Amino acid sequence: MVGTAWHTSADDRNEIGPAMQLLLAEAKYLAQRRHHLSAERYRSAVEALKTASDLVLNMDCRDPEEQRQREWYLQHGDNLWAFLEEHVA
Protein backbone atom coordinates (compact mmCIF):
# COMPACT_ATOMS: atom_id res chain seq x y z
CA MET A 1 0.00 0.00 0.00
CA VAL A 2 1.41 3.38 -1.01
CA GLY A 3 2.00 5.93 1.72
CA THR A 4 1.67 3.66 4.71
CA ALA A 5 4.91 5.00 6.21
CA TRP A 6 3.21 8.34 6.70
CA HIS A 7 0.50 6.70 8.79
CA THR A 8 2.76 4.95 11.27
CA SER A 9 3.57 6.74 14.47
CA ALA A 10 7.01 8.31 14.87
CA ASP A 11 7.61 6.02 17.84
CA ASP A 12 7.15 2.92 15.63
CA ARG A 13 9.75 3.66 12.98
CA ASN A 14 13.39 4.52 12.63
CA GLU A 15 13.77 7.73 10.64
CA ILE A 16 17.42 8.71 11.05
CA GLY A 17 19.03 5.78 9.23
CA PRO A 18 16.79 5.89 6.15
CA ALA A 19 16.96 9.70 5.98
CA MET A 20 20.76 9.67 6.12
CA GLN A 21 20.88 6.94 3.48
CA LEU A 22 18.77 9.11 1.19
CA LEU A 23 21.06 12.10 1.78
CA LEU A 24 24.13 9.99 1.05
CA ALA A 25 22.53 8.70 -2.16
CA GLU A 26 21.81 12.30 -3.16
CA ALA A 27 25.42 13.22 -2.36
CA LYS A 28 26.69 10.40 -4.57
CA TYR A 29 24.46 11.59 -7.41
CA LEU A 30 25.67 15.15 -6.90
CA ALA A 31 29.32 14.06 -7.01
CA GLN A 32 28.67 12.20 -10.25
CA ARG A 33 27.12 15.31 -11.81
CA ARG A 34 29.61 17.86 -10.49
CA HIS A 35 31.06 18.51 -13.96
CA HIS A 36 27.63 19.58 -15.20
CA LEU A 37 27.21 22.22 -12.48
CA SER A 38 28.87 25.56 -11.92
CA ALA A 39 31.22 25.70 -8.92
CA GLU A 40 28.77 28.00 -7.13
CA ARG A 41 25.82 25.70 -7.70
CA TYR A 42 27.83 22.65 -6.62
CA ARG A 43 28.97 24.37 -3.40
CA SER A 44 25.40 25.42 -2.69
CA ALA A 45 24.15 21.85 -3.14
CA VAL A 46 26.90 20.48 -0.87
CA GLU A 47 25.97 22.98 1.84
CA ALA A 48 22.28 22.10 1.47
CA LEU A 49 23.09 18.41 1.99
CA LYS A 50 25.15 19.20 5.09
CA THR A 51 22.36 21.38 6.47
CA ALA A 52 19.79 18.64 5.83
CA SER A 53 22.08 16.14 7.56
CA ASP A 54 22.35 18.41 10.60
CA LEU A 55 18.56 18.70 10.75
CA VAL A 56 18.13 14.93 10.55
CA LEU A 57 20.73 14.30 13.23
CA ASN A 58 19.05 16.79 15.55
CA MET A 59 15.65 15.07 15.35
CA ASP A 60 14.24 13.67 18.57
CA CYS A 61 14.68 9.94 18.89
CA ARG A 62 13.76 7.64 21.73
CA ASP A 63 14.51 4.31 20.11
CA PRO A 64 17.89 2.90 21.28
CA GLU A 65 18.76 1.66 17.78
CA GLU A 66 17.99 5.06 16.32
CA GLN A 67 20.12 6.71 19.02
CA ARG A 68 23.04 4.40 18.14
CA GLN A 69 22.67 5.29 14.48
CA ARG A 70 22.61 8.98 15.28
CA GLU A 71 25.76 8.64 17.39
CA TRP A 72 27.50 6.78 14.58
CA TYR A 73 26.61 9.46 12.04
CA LEU A 74 27.65 12.22 14.44
CA GLN A 75 31.03 10.56 15.02
CA HIS A 76 31.64 10.14 11.29
CA GLY A 77 29.94 13.34 10.17
CA ASP A 78 32.83 15.19 8.56
CA ASN A 79 34.10 12.05 6.85
CA LEU A 80 30.69 11.35 5.32
CA TRP A 81 30.90 14.42 3.13
CA ALA A 82 34.67 14.43 2.46
CA PHE A 83 34.23 12.97 -1.02
CA LEU A 84 32.13 16.02 -1.92
CA GLU A 85 34.67 18.50 -0.57
CA GLU A 86 37.41 17.09 -2.82
CA HIS A 87 35.47 18.46 -5.77
CA VAL A 88 34.60 21.91 -4.42
CA ALA A 89 36.47 24.46 -6.49
PDB file of N, CA and C in Angstrom:
ATOM      1  N   MET A   1       0.847  -1.171   0.000  1.00  0.00           N
ATOM      2  CA  MET A   1       0.000   0.000   0.000  1.00  0.00           C
ATOM      3  C   MET A   1       0.899   1.242   0.000  1.00  0.00           C
ATOM      4  N   VAL A   2       0.619   2.164  -0.881  1.00  0.00           N
ATOM      5  CA  VAL A   2       1.410   3.380  -1.010  1.00  0.00           C
ATOM      6  C   VAL A   2       1.119   4.319   0.146  1.00  0.00           C
ATOM      7  N   GLY A   3       2.162   4.918   0.693  1.00  0.00           N
ATOM      8  CA  GLY A   3       1.999   5.932   1.716  1.00  0.00           C
ATOM      9  C   GLY A   3       1.787   5.432   3.124  1.00  0.00           C
ATOM     10  N   THR A   4       1.925   4.157   3.366  1.00  0.00           N
ATOM     11  CA  THR A   4       1.670   3.657   4.714  1.00  0.00           C
ATOM     12  C   THR A   4       2.688   4.177   5.718  1.00  0.00           C
ATOM     13  N   ALA A   5       3.897   4.492   5.281  1.00  0.00           N
ATOM     14  CA  ALA A   5       4.910   4.996   6.210  1.00  0.00           C
ATOM     15  C   ALA A   5       4.452   6.297   6.863  1.00  0.00           C
ATOM     16  N   TRP A   6       3.663   7.065   6.151  1.00  0.00           N
ATOM     17  CA  TRP A   6       3.208   8.337   6.704  1.00  0.00           C
ATOM     18  C   TRP A   6       2.152   8.140   7.780  1.00  0.00           C
ATOM     19  N   HIS A   7       1.564   6.953   7.829  1.00  0.00           N
ATOM     20  CA  HIS A   7       0.502   6.702   8.793  1.00  0.00           C
ATOM     21  C   HIS A   7       0.985   6.000  10.049  1.00  0.00           C
ATOM     22  N   THR A   8       2.234   5.579  10.064  1.00  0.00           N
ATOM     23  CA  THR A   8       2.755   4.953  11.275  1.00  0.00           C
ATOM     24  C   THR A   8       3.200   6.039  12.230  1.00  0.00           C
ATOM     25  N   SER A   9       3.173   5.737  13.493  1.00  0.00           N
ATOM     26  CA  SER A   9       3.574   6.740  14.472  1.00  0.00           C
ATOM     27  C   SER A   9       5.090   6.874  14.480  1.00  0.00           C
ATOM     28  N   ALA A  10       5.573   8.050  14.845  1.00  0.00           N
ATOM     29  CA  ALA A  10       7.012   8.310  14.875  1.00  0.00           C
ATOM     30  C   ALA A  10       7.714   7.370  15.842  1.00  0.00           C
ATOM     31  N   ASP A  11       7.003   6.917  16.867  1.00  0.00           N
ATOM     32  CA  ASP A  11       7.609   6.017  17.843  1.00  0.00           C
ATOM     33  C   ASP A  11       7.803   4.611  17.284  1.00  0.00           C
ATOM     34  N   ASP A  12       7.107   4.275  16.189  1.00  0.00           N
ATOM     35  CA  ASP A  12       7.148   2.924  15.634  1.00  0.00           C
ATOM     36  C   ASP A  12       8.155   2.761  14.505  1.00  0.00           C
ATOM     37  N   ARG A  13       8.840   3.800  14.115  1.00  0.00           N
ATOM     38  CA  ARG A  13       9.748   3.661  12.981  1.00  0.00           C
ATOM     39  C   ARG A  13      11.059   4.395  13.236  1.00  0.00           C
ATOM     40  N   ASN A  14      12.075   3.919  12.573  1.00  0.00           N
ATOM     41  CA  ASN A  14      13.390   4.525  12.630  1.00  0.00           C
ATOM     42  C   ASN A  14      13.497   5.479  11.450  1.00  0.00           C
ATOM     43  N   GLU A  15      13.717   6.745  11.715  1.00  0.00           N
ATOM     44  CA  GLU A  15      13.770   7.734  10.645  1.00  0.00           C
ATOM     45  C   GLU A  15      15.183   8.177  10.317  1.00  0.00           C
ATOM     46  N   ILE A  16      16.087   8.148  11.262  1.00  0.00           N
ATOM     47  CA  ILE A  16      17.416   8.707  11.049  1.00  0.00           C
ATOM     48  C   ILE A  16      18.209   7.914  10.016  1.00  0.00           C
ATOM     49  N   GLY A  17      18.261   6.605  10.174  1.00  0.00           N
ATOM     50  CA  GLY A  17      19.027   5.783   9.233  1.00  0.00           C
ATOM     51  C   GLY A  17      18.561   5.938   7.795  1.00  0.00           C
ATOM     52  N   PRO A  18      17.270   5.733   7.521  1.00  0.00           N
ATOM     53  CA  PRO A  18      16.791   5.891   6.147  1.00  0.00           C
ATOM     54  C   PRO A  18      16.978   7.314   5.600  1.00  0.00           C
ATOM     55  N   ALA A  19      16.782   8.316   6.435  1.00  0.00           N
ATOM     56  CA  ALA A  19      16.960   9.697   5.979  1.00  0.00           C
ATOM     57  C   ALA A  19      18.414   9.961   5.611  1.00  0.00           C
ATOM     58  N   MET A  20      19.339   9.480   6.425  1.00  0.00           N
ATOM     59  CA  MET A  20      20.758   9.674   6.120  1.00  0.00           C
ATOM     60  C   MET A  20      21.159   8.892   4.869  1.00  0.00           C
ATOM     61  N   GLN A  21      20.590   7.715   4.692  1.00  0.00           N
ATOM     62  CA  GLN A  21      20.883   6.937   3.483  1.00  0.00           C
ATOM     63  C   GLN A  21      20.408   7.675   2.234  1.00  0.00           C
ATOM     64  N   LEU A  22      19.256   8.319   2.319  1.00  0.00           N
ATOM     65  CA  LEU A  22      18.769   9.113   1.191  1.00  0.00           C
ATOM     66  C   LEU A  22      19.689  10.299   0.912  1.00  0.00           C
ATOM     67  N   LEU A  23      20.145  10.964   1.966  1.00  0.00           N
ATOM     68  CA  LEU A  23      21.057  12.096   1.784  1.00  0.00           C
ATOM     69  C   LEU A  23      22.380  11.642   1.178  1.00  0.00           C
ATOM     70  N   LEU A  24      22.886  10.503   1.615  1.00  0.00           N
ATOM     71  CA  LEU A  24      24.134   9.985   1.051  1.00  0.00           C
ATOM     72  C   LEU A  24      23.958   9.582  -0.413  1.00  0.00           C
ATOM     73  N   ALA A  25      22.805   9.035  -0.759  1.00  0.00           N
ATOM     74  CA  ALA A  25      22.532   8.700  -2.160  1.00  0.00           C
ATOM     75  C   ALA A  25      22.476   9.973  -3.003  1.00  0.00           C
ATOM     76  N   GLU A  26      21.865  11.008  -2.464  1.00  0.00           N
ATOM     77  CA  GLU A  26      21.811  12.296  -3.157  1.00  0.00           C
ATOM     78  C   GLU A  26      23.212  12.876  -3.313  1.00  0.00           C
ATOM     79  N   ALA A  27      24.038  12.732  -2.294  1.00  0.00           N
ATOM     80  CA  ALA A  27      25.417  13.224  -2.361  1.00  0.00           C
ATOM     81  C   ALA A  27      26.207  12.482  -3.438  1.00  0.00           C
ATOM     82  N   LYS A  28      26.002  11.188  -3.533  1.00  0.00           N
ATOM     83  CA  LYS A  28      26.685  10.399  -4.569  1.00  0.00           C
ATOM     84  C   LYS A  28      26.266  10.880  -5.955  1.00  0.00           C
ATOM     85  N   TYR A  29      24.977  11.093  -6.137  1.00  0.00           N
ATOM     86  CA  TYR A  29      24.464  11.586  -7.413  1.00  0.00           C
ATOM     87  C   TYR A  29      25.045  12.968  -7.725  1.00  0.00           C
ATOM     88  N   LEU A  30      25.104  13.821  -6.719  1.00  0.00           N
ATOM     89  CA  LEU A  30      25.671  15.155  -6.897  1.00  0.00           C
ATOM     90  C   LEU A  30      27.135  15.068  -7.322  1.00  0.00           C
ATOM     91  N   ALA A  31      27.904  14.216  -6.670  1.00  0.00           N
ATOM     92  CA  ALA A  31      29.319  14.062  -7.011  1.00  0.00           C
ATOM     93  C   ALA A  31      29.483  13.574  -8.451  1.00  0.00           C
ATOM     94  N   GLN A  32      28.598  12.713  -8.883  1.00  0.00           N
ATOM     95  CA  GLN A  32      28.668  12.200 -10.253  1.00  0.00           C
ATOM     96  C   GLN A  32      28.332  13.274 -11.282  1.00  0.00           C
ATOM     97  N   ARG A  33      27.542  14.255 -10.891  1.00  0.00           N
ATOM     98  CA  ARG A  33      27.116  15.314 -11.813  1.00  0.00           C
ATOM     99  C   ARG A  33      27.905  16.602 -11.658  1.00  0.00           C
ATOM    100  N   ARG A  34      28.912  16.617 -10.814  1.00  0.00           N
ATOM    101  CA  ARG A  34      29.613  17.861 -10.490  1.00  0.00           C
ATOM    102  C   ARG A  34      30.139  18.595 -11.717  1.00  0.00           C
ATOM    103  N   HIS A  35      30.512  17.868 -12.765  1.00  0.00           N
ATOM    104  CA  HIS A  35      31.059  18.514 -13.959  1.00  0.00           C
ATOM    105  C   HIS A  35      29.983  19.219 -14.778  1.00  0.00           C
ATOM    106  N   HIS A  36      28.743  18.949 -14.488  1.00  0.00           N
ATOM    107  CA  HIS A  36      27.635  19.578 -15.198  1.00  0.00           C
ATOM    108  C   HIS A  36      27.098  20.797 -14.455  1.00  0.00           C
ATOM    109  N   LEU A  37      27.680  21.104 -13.308  1.00  0.00           N
ATOM    110  CA  LEU A  37      27.212  22.221 -12.483  1.00  0.00           C
ATOM    111  C   LEU A  37      28.304  23.269 -12.353  1.00  0.00           C
ATOM    112  N   SER A  38      27.889  24.512 -12.203  1.00  0.00           N
ATOM    113  CA  SER A  38      28.871  25.555 -11.916  1.00  0.00           C
ATOM    114  C   SER A  38      29.424  25.325 -10.510  1.00  0.00           C
ATOM    115  N   ALA A  39      30.602  25.864 -10.249  1.00  0.00           N
ATOM    116  CA  ALA A  39      31.216  25.702  -8.924  1.00  0.00           C
ATOM    117  C   ALA A  39      30.299  26.257  -7.838  1.00  0.00           C
ATOM    118  N   GLU A  40      29.661  27.383  -8.114  1.00  0.00           N
ATOM    119  CA  GLU A  40      28.766  27.997  -7.125  1.00  0.00           C
ATOM    120  C   GLU A  40      27.558  27.103  -6.841  1.00  0.00           C
ATOM    121  N   ARG A  41      26.989  26.560  -7.890  1.00  0.00           N
ATOM    122  CA  ARG A  41      25.818  25.698  -7.704  1.00  0.00           C
ATOM    123  C   ARG A  41      26.195  24.407  -6.973  1.00  0.00           C
ATOM    124  N   TYR A  42      27.363  23.863  -7.293  1.00  0.00           N
ATOM    125  CA  TYR A  42      27.830  22.650  -6.624  1.00  0.00           C
ATOM    126  C   TYR A  42      28.045  22.918  -5.136  1.00  0.00           C
ATOM    127  N   ARG A  43      28.736  24.014  -4.810  1.00  0.00           N
ATOM    128  CA  ARG A  43      28.973  24.367  -3.400  1.00  0.00           C
ATOM    129  C   ARG A  43      27.660  24.555  -2.659  1.00  0.00           C
ATOM    130  N   SER A  44      26.710  25.199  -3.304  1.00  0.00           N
ATOM    131  CA  SER A  44      25.404  25.423  -2.686  1.00  0.00           C
ATOM    132  C   SER A  44      24.699  24.091  -2.400  1.00  0.00           C
ATOM    133  N   ALA A  45      24.776  23.165  -3.330  1.00  0.00           N
ATOM    134  CA  ALA A  45      24.149  21.852  -3.139  1.00  0.00           C
ATOM    135  C   ALA A  45      24.835  21.073  -2.025  1.00  0.00           C
ATOM    136  N   VAL A  46      26.161  21.156  -1.947  1.00  0.00           N
ATOM    137  CA  VAL A  46      26.904  20.485  -0.872  1.00  0.00           C
ATOM    138  C   VAL A  46      26.477  21.047   0.479  1.00  0.00           C
ATOM    139  N   GLU A  47      26.391  22.360   0.584  1.00  0.00           N
ATOM    140  CA  GLU A  47      25.972  22.982   1.840  1.00  0.00           C
ATOM    141  C   GLU A  47      24.536  22.602   2.198  1.00  0.00           C
ATOM    142  N   ALA A  48      23.670  22.504   1.206  1.00  0.00           N
ATOM    143  CA  ALA A  48      22.283  22.101   1.465  1.00  0.00           C
ATOM    144  C   ALA A  48      22.230  20.671   2.014  1.00  0.00           C
ATOM    145  N   LEU A  49      23.046  19.782   1.473  1.00  0.00           N
ATOM    146  CA  LEU A  49      23.093  18.406   1.987  1.00  0.00           C
ATOM    147  C   LEU A  49      23.595  18.375   3.427  1.00  0.00           C
ATOM    148  N   LYS A  50      24.618  19.159   3.718  1.00  0.00           N
ATOM    149  CA  LYS A  50      25.153  19.205   5.086  1.00  0.00           C
ATOM    150  C   LYS A  50      24.116  19.764   6.052  1.00  0.00           C
ATOM    151  N   THR A  51      23.401  20.787   5.631  1.00  0.00           N
ATOM    152  CA  THR A  51      22.355  21.377   6.469  1.00  0.00           C
ATOM    153  C   THR A  51      21.240  20.365   6.719  1.00  0.00           C
ATOM    154  N   ALA A  52      20.830  19.665   5.679  1.00  0.00           N
ATOM    155  CA  ALA A  52      19.791  18.642   5.834  1.00  0.00           C
ATOM    156  C   ALA A  52      20.260  17.545   6.780  1.00  0.00           C
ATOM    157  N   SER A  53      21.517  17.162   6.667  1.00  0.00           N
ATOM    158  CA  SER A  53      22.083  16.144   7.562  1.00  0.00           C
ATOM    159  C   SER A  53      22.030  16.618   9.010  1.00  0.00           C
ATOM    160  N   ASP A  54      22.408  17.862   9.235  1.00  0.00           N
ATOM    161  CA  ASP A  54      22.352  18.412  10.596  1.00  0.00           C
ATOM    162  C   ASP A  54      20.929  18.383  11.146  1.00  0.00           C
ATOM    163  N   LEU A  55      19.961  18.725  10.308  1.00  0.00           N
ATOM    164  CA  LEU A  55      18.564  18.701  10.746  1.00  0.00           C
ATOM    165  C   LEU A  55      18.121  17.287  11.101  1.00  0.00           C
ATOM    166  N   VAL A  56      18.488  16.327  10.273  1.00  0.00           N
ATOM    167  CA  VAL A  56      18.126  14.928  10.547  1.00  0.00           C
ATOM    168  C   VAL A  56      18.753  14.468  11.855  1.00  0.00           C
ATOM    169  N   LEU A  57      20.022  14.788  12.046  1.00  0.00           N
ATOM    170  CA  LEU A  57      20.732  14.304  13.230  1.00  0.00           C
ATOM    171  C   LEU A  57      20.313  15.020  14.508  1.00  0.00           C
ATOM    172  N   ASN A  58      19.560  16.097  14.372  1.00  0.00           N
ATOM    173  CA  ASN A  58      19.046  16.792  15.551  1.00  0.00           C
ATOM    174  C   ASN A  58      17.583  16.461  15.833  1.00  0.00           C
ATOM    175  N   MET A  59      17.031  15.493  15.087  1.00  0.00           N
ATOM    176  CA  MET A  59      15.652  15.065  15.345  1.00  0.00           C
ATOM    177  C   MET A  59      15.598  14.335  16.680  1.00  0.00           C
ATOM    178  N   ASP A  60      14.454  14.439  17.341  1.00  0.00           N
ATOM    179  CA  ASP A  60      14.238  13.667  18.565  1.00  0.00           C
ATOM    180  C   ASP A  60      14.186  12.192  18.222  1.00  0.00           C
ATOM    181  N   CYS A  61      14.807  11.394  19.057  1.00  0.00           N
ATOM    182  CA  CYS A  61      14.679   9.943  18.886  1.00  0.00           C
ATOM    183  C   CYS A  61      14.727   9.303  20.262  1.00  0.00           C
ATOM    184  N   ARG A  62      13.831   8.358  20.451  1.00  0.00           N
ATOM    185  CA  ARG A  62      13.764   7.641  21.728  1.00  0.00           C
ATOM    186  C   ARG A  62      14.202   6.195  21.585  1.00  0.00           C
ATOM    187  N   ASP A  63      14.151   5.696  20.373  1.00  0.00           N
ATOM    188  CA  ASP A  63      14.510   4.307  20.109  1.00  0.00           C
ATOM    189  C   ASP A  63      16.020   4.115  20.280  1.00  0.00           C
ATOM    190  N   PRO A  64      16.452   3.127  21.062  1.00  0.00           N
ATOM    191  CA  PRO A  64      17.886   2.902  21.284  1.00  0.00           C
ATOM    192  C   PRO A  64      18.666   2.653  19.991  1.00  0.00           C
ATOM    193  N   GLU A  65      18.079   1.920  19.053  1.00  0.00           N
ATOM    194  CA  GLU A  65      18.763   1.663  17.777  1.00  0.00           C
ATOM    195  C   GLU A  65      18.943   2.960  16.998  1.00  0.00           C
ATOM    196  N   GLU A  66      17.922   3.772  17.001  1.00  0.00           N
ATOM    197  CA  GLU A  66      17.994   5.062  16.317  1.00  0.00           C
ATOM    198  C   GLU A  66      19.037   5.965  16.982  1.00  0.00           C
ATOM    199  N   GLN A  67      19.113   5.928  18.307  1.00  0.00           N
ATOM    200  CA  GLN A  67      20.123   6.710  19.021  1.00  0.00           C
ATOM    201  C   GLN A  67      21.529   6.243  18.661  1.00  0.00           C
ATOM    202  N   ARG A  68      21.725   4.925  18.539  1.00  0.00           N
ATOM    203  CA  ARG A  68      23.038   4.400  18.137  1.00  0.00           C
ATOM    204  C   ARG A  68      23.397   4.854  16.726  1.00  0.00           C
ATOM    205  N   GLN A  69      22.413   4.822  15.844  1.00  0.00           N
ATOM    206  CA  GLN A  69      22.672   5.287  14.481  1.00  0.00           C
ATOM    207  C   GLN A  69      23.034   6.763  14.469  1.00  0.00           C
ATOM    208  N   ARG A  70      22.312   7.551  15.237  1.00  0.00           N
ATOM    209  CA  ARG A  70      22.610   8.984  15.284  1.00  0.00           C
ATOM    210  C   ARG A  70      24.020   9.211  15.801  1.00  0.00           C
ATOM    211  N   GLU A  71      24.403   8.499  16.852  1.00  0.00           N
ATOM    212  CA  GLU A  71      25.757   8.639  17.390  1.00  0.00           C
ATOM    213  C   GLU A  71      26.810   8.271  16.349  1.00  0.00           C
ATOM    214  N   TRP A  72      26.551   7.195  15.600  1.00  0.00           N
ATOM    215  CA  TRP A  72      27.505   6.777  14.576  1.00  0.00           C
ATOM    216  C   TRP A  72      27.662   7.872  13.531  1.00  0.00           C
ATOM    217  N   TYR A  73      26.550   8.405  13.048  1.00  0.00           N
ATOM    218  CA  TYR A  73      26.608   9.461  12.035  1.00  0.00           C
ATOM    219  C   TYR A  73      27.262  10.726  12.587  1.00  0.00           C
ATOM    220  N   LEU A  74      27.009  11.045  13.845  1.00  0.00           N
ATOM    221  CA  LEU A  74      27.648  12.221  14.443  1.00  0.00           C
ATOM    222  C   LEU A  74      29.157  12.033  14.554  1.00  0.00           C
ATOM    223  N   GLN A  75      29.596  10.837  14.909  1.00  0.00           N
ATOM    224  CA  GLN A  75      31.030  10.562  15.024  1.00  0.00           C
ATOM    225  C   GLN A  75      31.727  10.609  13.667  1.00  0.00           C
ATOM    226  N   HIS A  76      31.040  10.226  12.620  1.00  0.00           N
ATOM    227  CA  HIS A  76      31.641  10.145  11.294  1.00  0.00           C
ATOM    228  C   HIS A  76      31.211  11.296  10.383  1.00  0.00           C
ATOM    229  N   GLY A  77      30.546  12.265  10.952  1.00  0.00           N
ATOM    230  CA  GLY A  77      29.941  13.340  10.173  1.00  0.00           C
ATOM    231  C   GLY A  77      30.817  13.990   9.132  1.00  0.00           C
ATOM    232  N   ASP A  78      31.977  14.492   9.519  1.00  0.00           N
ATOM    233  CA  ASP A  78      32.832  15.188   8.560  1.00  0.00           C
ATOM    234  C   ASP A  78      33.329  14.247   7.472  1.00  0.00           C
ATOM    235  N   ASN A  79      33.608  13.016   7.834  1.00  0.00           N
ATOM    236  CA  ASN A  79      34.100  12.050   6.853  1.00  0.00           C
ATOM    237  C   ASN A  79      33.029  11.656   5.841  1.00  0.00           C
ATOM    238  N   LEU A  80      31.768  11.734   6.231  1.00  0.00           N
ATOM    239  CA  LEU A  80      30.687  11.352   5.319  1.00  0.00           C
ATOM    240  C   LEU A  80      30.666  12.221   4.068  1.00  0.00           C
ATOM    241  N   TRP A  81      31.017  13.472   4.234  1.00  0.00           N
ATOM    242  CA  TRP A  81      30.902  14.422   3.131  1.00  0.00           C
ATOM    243  C   TRP A  81      32.252  14.760   2.506  1.00  0.00           C
ATOM    244  N   ALA A  82      33.320  14.120   2.956  1.00  0.00           N
ATOM    245  CA  ALA A  82      34.666  14.432   2.458  1.00  0.00           C
ATOM    246  C   ALA A  82      34.773  14.234   0.949  1.00  0.00           C
ATOM    247  N   PHE A  83      34.128  13.210   0.420  1.00  0.00           N
ATOM    248  CA  PHE A  83      34.225  12.966  -1.023  1.00  0.00           C
ATOM    249  C   PHE A  83      33.607  14.098  -1.833  1.00  0.00           C
ATOM    250  N   LEU A  84      32.699  14.863  -1.231  1.00  0.00           N
ATOM    251  CA  LEU A  84      32.132  16.016  -1.916  1.00  0.00           C
ATOM    252  C   LEU A  84      33.083  17.203  -1.870  1.00  0.00           C
ATOM    253  N   GLU A  85      33.766  17.362  -0.755  1.00  0.00           N
ATOM    254  CA  GLU A  85      34.669  18.496  -0.574  1.00  0.00           C
ATOM    255  C   GLU A  85      35.855  18.442  -1.527  1.00  0.00           C
ATOM    256  N   GLU A  86      36.278  17.235  -1.904  1.00  0.00           N
ATOM    257  CA  GLU A  86      37.405  17.092  -2.825  1.00  0.00           C
ATOM    258  C   GLU A  86      37.119  17.785  -4.148  1.00  0.00           C
ATOM    259  N   HIS A  87      35.853  17.934  -4.469  1.00  0.00           N
ATOM    260  CA  HIS A  87      35.470  18.461  -5.768  1.00  0.00           C
ATOM    261  C   HIS A  87      35.018  19.916  -5.713  1.00  0.00           C
ATOM    262  N   VAL A  88      35.009  20.509  -4.526  1.00  0.00           N
ATOM    263  CA  VAL A  88      34.596  21.906  -4.416  1.00  0.00           C
ATOM    264  C   VAL A  88      35.732  22.767  -4.917  1.00  0.00           C
ATOM    265  N   ALA A  89      35.424  23.607  -5.883  1.00  0.00           N
ATOM    266  CA  ALA A  89      36.465  24.462  -6.486  1.00  0.00           C
ATOM    267  C   ALA A  89      36.733  25.676  -5.637  1.00  0.00           C
TER     268      ALA A  89
END
